[in-house]
Amino acid sequence: MPRSSKNSMVPHTSTPPAVIRPQAPSLLQTIQEGLAFGLGSSVARNIVDRFLQPSLPLRSTCLDEHAAFDKCILTHNEVGLCLDENDRLKRCISSR
Protein backbone atom coordinates (compact mmCIF):
# COMPACT_ATOMS: atom_id res chain seq x y z
CA MET A 1 0.00 0.00 0.00
CA PRO A 2 1.55 3.30 -1.07
CA ARG A 3 1.94 6.13 1.37
CA SER A 4 0.20 9.37 0.71
CA SER A 5 2.22 12.54 0.31
CA LYS A 6 0.29 14.19 3.16
CA ASN A 7 1.95 12.00 5.78
CA SER A 8 5.52 12.62 4.67
CA MET A 9 7.96 13.26 7.47
CA VAL A 10 9.13 16.81 8.07
CA PRO A 11 12.78 17.17 9.13
CA HIS A 12 13.32 18.11 12.77
CA THR A 13 14.48 21.74 12.88
CA SER A 14 14.45 22.67 16.58
CA THR A 15 17.75 23.18 18.39
CA PRO A 16 18.69 21.10 21.42
CA PRO A 17 18.37 22.82 24.80
CA ALA A 18 21.41 24.69 26.04
CA VAL A 19 23.47 22.95 28.69
CA ILE A 20 23.59 24.96 31.90
CA ARG A 21 26.93 24.53 33.59
CA PRO A 22 27.15 25.43 37.26
CA GLN A 23 29.70 28.05 38.12
CA ALA A 24 32.64 26.79 40.18
CA PRO A 25 32.80 28.29 43.67
CA SER A 26 35.58 30.74 44.39
CA LEU A 27 38.38 30.00 46.82
CA LEU A 28 36.86 32.34 49.40
CA GLN A 29 33.49 30.58 49.20
CA THR A 30 35.20 27.23 49.62
CA ILE A 31 37.11 28.45 52.69
CA GLN A 32 33.97 29.94 54.22
CA GLU A 33 32.00 26.74 53.68
CA GLY A 34 34.82 24.66 55.15
CA LEU A 35 35.10 26.85 58.23
CA ALA A 36 31.35 26.90 58.73
CA PHE A 37 31.18 23.10 58.40
CA GLY A 38 34.09 22.64 60.82
CA LEU A 39 32.59 25.02 63.36
CA GLY A 40 29.17 23.38 63.09
CA SER A 41 30.69 19.91 63.47
CA SER A 42 32.62 21.03 66.51
CA VAL A 43 29.54 22.50 68.19
CA ALA A 44 27.48 19.41 67.38
CA ARG A 45 30.19 17.11 68.77
CA ASN A 46 30.30 19.09 72.02
CA ILE A 47 26.52 18.97 72.39
CA VAL A 48 26.47 15.21 71.85
CA ASP A 49 29.36 14.73 74.29
CA ARG A 50 27.61 16.85 76.90
CA PHE A 51 24.36 14.95 76.45
CA LEU A 52 25.91 11.47 76.55
CA GLN A 53 28.47 12.18 79.28
CA PRO A 54 27.34 15.20 81.32
CA SER A 55 30.17 14.87 83.86
CA LEU A 56 32.88 15.59 81.26
CA PRO A 57 33.95 19.19 80.55
CA LEU A 58 33.54 20.58 77.05
CA ARG A 59 36.40 19.88 74.66
CA SER A 60 38.67 22.74 73.80
CA THR A 61 37.61 23.43 70.23
CA CYS A 62 38.81 27.00 69.70
CA LEU A 63 35.25 28.22 69.10
CA ASP A 64 36.10 31.84 69.88
CA GLU A 65 39.07 31.80 67.50
CA HIS A 66 36.99 30.15 64.76
CA ALA A 67 34.24 32.73 65.21
CA ALA A 68 36.71 35.66 65.10
CA PHE A 69 38.36 34.30 61.95
CA ASP A 70 34.98 33.68 60.26
CA LYS A 71 33.79 37.18 61.14
CA CYS A 72 36.99 38.73 59.77
CA ILE A 73 36.73 36.83 56.47
CA LEU A 74 33.06 37.70 56.06
CA THR A 75 33.78 41.36 56.84
CA HIS A 76 36.82 41.82 54.61
CA ASN A 77 36.32 39.10 51.96
CA GLU A 78 40.08 38.58 51.95
CA VAL A 79 42.12 36.09 53.94
CA GLY A 80 45.21 38.32 53.80
CA LEU A 81 43.54 40.91 56.04
CA CYS A 82 42.81 38.29 58.72
CA LEU A 83 46.34 37.12 59.48
CA ASP A 84 46.13 37.91 63.22
CA GLU A 85 42.92 35.91 63.61
CA ASN A 86 44.40 33.09 61.56
CA ASP A 87 47.54 33.00 63.74
CA ARG A 88 45.44 32.86 66.93
CA LEU A 89 43.37 30.05 65.49
CA LYS A 90 46.47 28.08 64.47
CA ARG A 91 48.01 28.53 67.94
CA CYS A 92 44.79 27.35 69.58
CA ILE A 93 44.58 24.28 67.37
CA SER A 94 48.24 23.37 67.87
CA SER A 95 47.91 23.70 71.67
CA ARG A 96 45.22 21.01 71.84
C-alpha atoms as a PDB file:
ATOM      1  CA  MET A   1       0.000   0.000   0.000  1.00  0.00           C
ATOM      2  CA  PRO A   2       1.554   3.298  -1.070  1.00  0.00           C
ATOM      3  CA  ARG A   3       1.936   6.128   1.366  1.00  0.00           C
ATOM      4  CA  SER A   4       0.196   9.365   0.714  1.00  0.00           C
ATOM      5  CA  SER A   5       2.221  12.535   0.314  1.00  0.00           C
ATOM      6  CA  LYS A   6       0.285  14.193   3.157  1.00  0.00           C
ATOM      7  CA  ASN A   7       1.954  11.996   5.776  1.00  0.00           C
ATOM      8  CA  SER A   8       5.518  12.615   4.669  1.00  0.00           C
ATOM      9  CA  MET A   9       7.963  13.257   7.465  1.00  0.00           C
ATOM     10  CA  VAL A  10       9.125  16.807   8.066  1.00  0.00           C
ATOM     11  CA  PRO A  11      12.780  17.169   9.132  1.00  0.00           C
ATOM     12  CA  HIS A  12      13.325  18.115  12.772  1.00  0.00           C
ATOM     13  CA  THR A  13      14.484  21.743  12.881  1.00  0.00           C
ATOM     14  CA  SER A  14      14.453  22.665  16.578  1.00  0.00           C
ATOM     15  CA  THR A  15      17.746  23.176  18.386  1.00  0.00           C
ATOM     16  CA  PRO A  16      18.689  21.104  21.424  1.00  0.00           C
ATOM     17  CA  PRO A  17      18.370  22.820  24.795  1.00  0.00           C
ATOM     18  CA  ALA A  18      21.414  24.688  26.040  1.00  0.00           C
ATOM     19  CA  VAL A  19      23.468  22.948  28.692  1.00  0.00           C
ATOM     20  CA  ILE A  20      23.588  24.963  31.902  1.00  0.00           C
ATOM     21  CA  ARG A  21      26.928  24.529  33.586  1.00  0.00           C
ATOM     22  CA  PRO A  22      27.150  25.431  37.261  1.00  0.00           C
ATOM     23  CA  GLN A  23      29.701  28.051  38.124  1.00  0.00           C
ATOM     24  CA  ALA A  24      32.642  26.785  40.175  1.00  0.00           C
ATOM     25  CA  PRO A  25      32.804  28.289  43.674  1.00  0.00           C
ATOM     26  CA  SER A  26      35.578  30.745  44.394  1.00  0.00           C
ATOM     27  CA  LEU A  27      38.381  30.001  46.818  1.00  0.00           C
ATOM     28  CA  LEU A  28      36.859  32.340  49.404  1.00  0.00           C
ATOM     29  CA  GLN A  29      33.487  30.585  49.196  1.00  0.00           C
ATOM     30  CA  THR A  30      35.201  27.227  49.621  1.00  0.00           C
ATOM     31  CA  ILE A  31      37.112  28.449  52.687  1.00  0.00           C
ATOM     32  CA  GLN A  32      33.969  29.941  54.218  1.00  0.00           C
ATOM     33  CA  GLU A  33      31.998  26.743  53.680  1.00  0.00           C
ATOM     34  CA  GLY A  34      34.822  24.660  55.150  1.00  0.00           C
ATOM     35  CA  LEU A  35      35.103  26.850  58.229  1.00  0.00           C
ATOM     36  CA  ALA A  36      31.345  26.896  58.729  1.00  0.00           C
ATOM     37  CA  PHE A  37      31.184  23.104  58.403  1.00  0.00           C
ATOM     38  CA  GLY A  38      34.091  22.638  60.819  1.00  0.00           C
ATOM     39  CA  LEU A  39      32.593  25.017  63.356  1.00  0.00           C
ATOM     40  CA  GLY A  40      29.169  23.376  63.093  1.00  0.00           C
ATOM     41  CA  SER A  41      30.686  19.915  63.469  1.00  0.00           C
ATOM     42  CA  SER A  42      32.623  21.034  66.506  1.00  0.00           C
ATOM     43  CA  VAL A  43      29.543  22.503  68.186  1.00  0.00           C
ATOM     44  CA  ALA A  44      27.480  19.406  67.383  1.00  0.00           C
ATOM     45  CA  ARG A  45      30.189  17.106  68.768  1.00  0.00           C
ATOM     46  CA  ASN A  46      30.304  19.089  72.015  1.00  0.00           C
ATOM     47  CA  ILE A  47      26.524  18.968  72.388  1.00  0.00           C
ATOM     48  CA  VAL A  48      26.466  15.209  71.853  1.00  0.00           C
ATOM     49  CA  ASP A  49      29.357  14.733  74.285  1.00  0.00           C
ATOM     50  CA  ARG A  50      27.607  16.854  76.904  1.00  0.00           C
ATOM     51  CA  PHE A  51      24.355  14.945  76.448  1.00  0.00           C
ATOM     52  CA  LEU A  52      25.914  11.467  76.547  1.00  0.00           C
ATOM     53  CA  GLN A  53      28.474  12.179  79.278  1.00  0.00           C
ATOM     54  CA  PRO A  54      27.341  15.201  81.316  1.00  0.00           C
ATOM     55  CA  SER A  55      30.165  14.869  83.858  1.00  0.00           C
ATOM     56  CA  LEU A  56      32.882  15.594  81.264  1.00  0.00           C
ATOM     57  CA  PRO A  57      33.953  19.185  80.550  1.00  0.00           C
ATOM     58  CA  LEU A  58      33.537  20.577  77.049  1.00  0.00           C
ATOM     59  CA  ARG A  59      36.395  19.882  74.661  1.00  0.00           C
ATOM     60  CA  SER A  60      38.674  22.744  73.804  1.00  0.00           C
ATOM     61  CA  THR A  61      37.611  23.433  70.233  1.00  0.00           C
ATOM     62  CA  CYS A  62      38.806  27.002  69.704  1.00  0.00           C
ATOM     63  CA  LEU A  63      35.250  28.218  69.104  1.00  0.00           C
ATOM     64  CA  ASP A  64      36.101  31.840  69.881  1.00  0.00           C
ATOM     65  CA  GLU A  65      39.067  31.795  67.504  1.00  0.00           C
ATOM     66  CA  HIS A  66      36.993  30.150  64.759  1.00  0.00           C
ATOM     67  CA  ALA A  67      34.239  32.734  65.211  1.00  0.00           C
ATOM     68  CA  ALA A  68      36.712  35.656  65.104  1.00  0.00           C
ATOM     69  CA  PHE A  69      38.356  34.295  61.948  1.00  0.00           C
ATOM     70  CA  ASP A  70      34.982  33.676  60.259  1.00  0.00           C
ATOM     71  CA  LYS A  71      33.789  37.182  61.137  1.00  0.00           C
ATOM     72  CA  CYS A  72      36.993  38.728  59.769  1.00  0.00           C
ATOM     73  CA  ILE A  73      36.726  36.830  56.474  1.00  0.00           C
ATOM     74  CA  LEU A  74      33.060  37.698  56.061  1.00  0.00           C
ATOM     75  CA  THR A  75      33.780  41.356  56.836  1.00  0.00           C
ATOM     76  CA  HIS A  76      36.824  41.824  54.606  1.00  0.00           C
ATOM     77  CA  ASN A  77      36.319  39.101  51.963  1.00  0.00           C
ATOM     78  CA  GLU A  78      40.076  38.579  51.947  1.00  0.00           C
ATOM     79  CA  VAL A  79      42.120  36.095  53.936  1.00  0.00           C
ATOM     80  CA  GLY A  80      45.210  38.320  53.796  1.00  0.00           C
ATOM     81  CA  LEU A  81      43.539  40.907  56.043  1.00  0.00           C
ATOM     82  CA  CYS A  82      42.815  38.287  58.720  1.00  0.00           C
ATOM     83  CA  LEU A  83      46.340  37.122  59.483  1.00  0.00           C
ATOM     84  CA  ASP A  84      46.126  37.907  63.216  1.00  0.00           C
ATOM     85  CA  GLU A  85      42.925  35.910  63.614  1.00  0.00           C
ATOM     86  CA  ASN A  86      44.405  33.094  61.555  1.00  0.00           C
ATOM     87  CA  ASP A  87      47.537  33.000  63.744  1.00  0.00           C
ATOM     88  CA  ARG A  88      45.436  32.862  66.929  1.00  0.00           C
ATOM     89  CA  LEU A  89      43.370  30.048  65.486  1.00  0.00           C
ATOM     90  CA  LYS A  90      46.467  28.077  64.473  1.00  0.00           C
ATOM     91  CA  ARG A  91      48.012  28.529  67.936  1.00  0.00           C
ATOM     92  CA  CYS A  92      44.790  27.351  69.582  1.00  0.00           C
ATOM     93  CA  ILE A  93      44.577  24.278  67.369  1.00  0.00           C
ATOM     94  CA  SER A  94      48.243  23.370  67.866  1.00  0.00           C
ATOM     95  CA  SER A  95      47.909  23.697  71.675  1.00  0.00           C
ATOM     96  CA  ARG A  96      45.220  21.012  71.844  1.00  0.00           C
END
